[in-house]
Amino acid sequence: MLNPIAMIFNILPPLEKIGRGAIALFALVVAVVLSSLTVLVSMIAHNPLMLAAVIALGIAGIVWWLKKRAKGITVPGGIPAVPPPTPLR
């Protein structure tokens, strides 16, 4: 599947082995990450208590983020980063 990318490295013979090795390493990293994610999701979905905890943490995180976002961003001096809107006349 990644052979067209490896063909780019066939211009110079020393680059061919390096390119194929880099592609194999990249594919290995992607495979390990996706496999671990699949196992983690299946473990969480299988255990109802863990599933409830993850959902509760997700909801709490969203609420915290929305509250933090509603406060506005201030610089260290306490001055709002965005000036207040001017009133319409």
Protein backbone atom coordinates (compact mmCIF):
# COMPACT_ATOMS: atom_id res chain seq x y z
CA MET A 1 0.00 0.00 0.00
CA LEU A 2 2.88 2.38 0.73
CA ASN A 3 4.96 1.09 -2.18
CA PRO A 4 4.40 4.23 -4.33
CA ILE A 5 6.02 6.30 -1.59
CA ALA A 6 8.92 3.84 -1.40
CA MET A 7 9.42 4.16 -5.17
CA ILE A 8 10.39 7.80 -4.66
CA PHE A 9 13.43 6.59 -2.71
CA ASN A 10 14.51 4.28 -5.57
CA ILE A 11 16.28 7.17 -7.28
CA LEU A 12 19.43 6.46 -5.28
CA PRO A 13 20.11 2.89 -4.10
CA PRO A 14 21.27 3.85 -0.57
CA LEU A 15 18.07 5.81 -0.06
CA GLU A 16 15.97 2.80 -1.05
CA LYS A 17 16.81 0.83 2.11
CA ILE A 18 16.53 3.90 4.33
CA GLY A 19 13.16 4.83 2.79
CA ARG A 20 11.73 1.35 3.15
CA GLY A 21 12.96 1.20 6.75
CA ALA A 22 11.41 4.58 7.56
CA ILE A 23 8.09 3.54 6.03
CA ALA A 24 8.15 0.25 7.97
CA LEU A 25 8.89 2.11 11.21
CA PHE A 26 6.06 4.58 10.53
CA ALA A 27 3.66 1.72 9.80
CA LEU A 28 4.72 -0.03 13.02
CA VAL A 29 4.07 3.09 15.12
CA VAL A 30 0.65 3.61 13.53
CA ALA A 31 -0.26 -0.06 14.05
CA VAL A 32 0.78 -0.03 17.72
CA VAL A 33 -1.15 3.18 18.45
CA LEU A 34 -4.33 2.00 16.70
CA SER A 35 -4.16 -1.45 18.30
CA SER A 36 -3.68 0.03 21.77
CA LEU A 37 -6.55 2.43 21.22
CA THR A 38 -8.81 -0.42 20.12
CA VAL A 39 -7.95 -2.50 23.18
CA LEU A 40 -8.47 0.50 25.50
CA VAL A 41 -11.87 1.34 24.02
CA SER A 42 -13.00 -2.28 24.22
CA MET A 43 -11.90 -2.51 27.88
CA ILE A 44 -13.80 0.66 28.76
CA ALA A 45 -16.91 -0.43 26.87
CA HIS A 46 -16.84 -3.87 28.54
CA ASN A 47 -16.75 -2.53 32.12
CA PRO A 48 -19.91 -0.52 32.97
CA LEU A 49 -18.33 1.19 36.00
CA MET A 50 -15.34 2.34 33.99
CA LEU A 51 -17.62 3.46 31.16
CA ALA A 52 -19.67 5.58 33.59
CA ALA A 53 -16.48 7.10 35.03
CA VAL A 54 -15.16 8.02 31.58
CA ILE A 55 -18.50 9.58 30.62
CA ALA A 56 -18.63 11.54 33.90
CA LEU A 57 -15.05 12.78 33.43
CA GLY A 58 -15.86 13.80 29.87
CA ILE A 59 -18.93 15.76 30.94
CA ALA A 60 -16.98 17.40 33.80
CA GLY A 61 -14.20 18.35 31.40
CA ILE A 62 -16.63 19.92 28.96
CA VAL A 63 -18.35 21.88 31.74
CA TRP A 64 -14.96 23.07 33.07
CA TRP A 65 -13.87 24.14 29.58
CA LEU A 66 -17.11 26.04 28.95
CA LYS A 67 -16.85 27.85 32.31
CA LYS A 68 -13.23 28.76 31.65
CA ARG A 69 -14.11 29.98 28.18
CA ALA A 70 -17.01 32.10 29.51
CA LYS A 71 -14.73 33.97 31.95
CA GLY A 72 -12.69 35.46 29.14
CA ILE A 73 -8.98 35.59 28.62
CA THR A 74 -6.96 38.05 30.67
CA VAL A 75 -3.31 38.99 30.50
CA PRO A 76 -1.14 38.84 33.66
CA GLY A 77 -1.94 42.48 34.53
CA GLY A 78 -5.63 41.63 34.84
CA ILE A 79 -6.54 43.62 31.73
CA PRO A 80 -8.89 41.76 29.37
CA ALA A 81 -7.14 40.62 26.22
CA VAL A 82 -10.14 41.76 24.18
CA PRO A 83 -11.52 45.22 24.88
CA PRO A 84 -15.19 45.40 25.87
CA PRO A 85 -17.59 46.11 23.02
CA THR A 86 -18.55 49.71 22.42
CA PRO A 87 -22.24 50.49 22.95
CA LEU A 88 -24.39 51.08 19.91
CA ARG A 89 -25.86 54.58 19.60
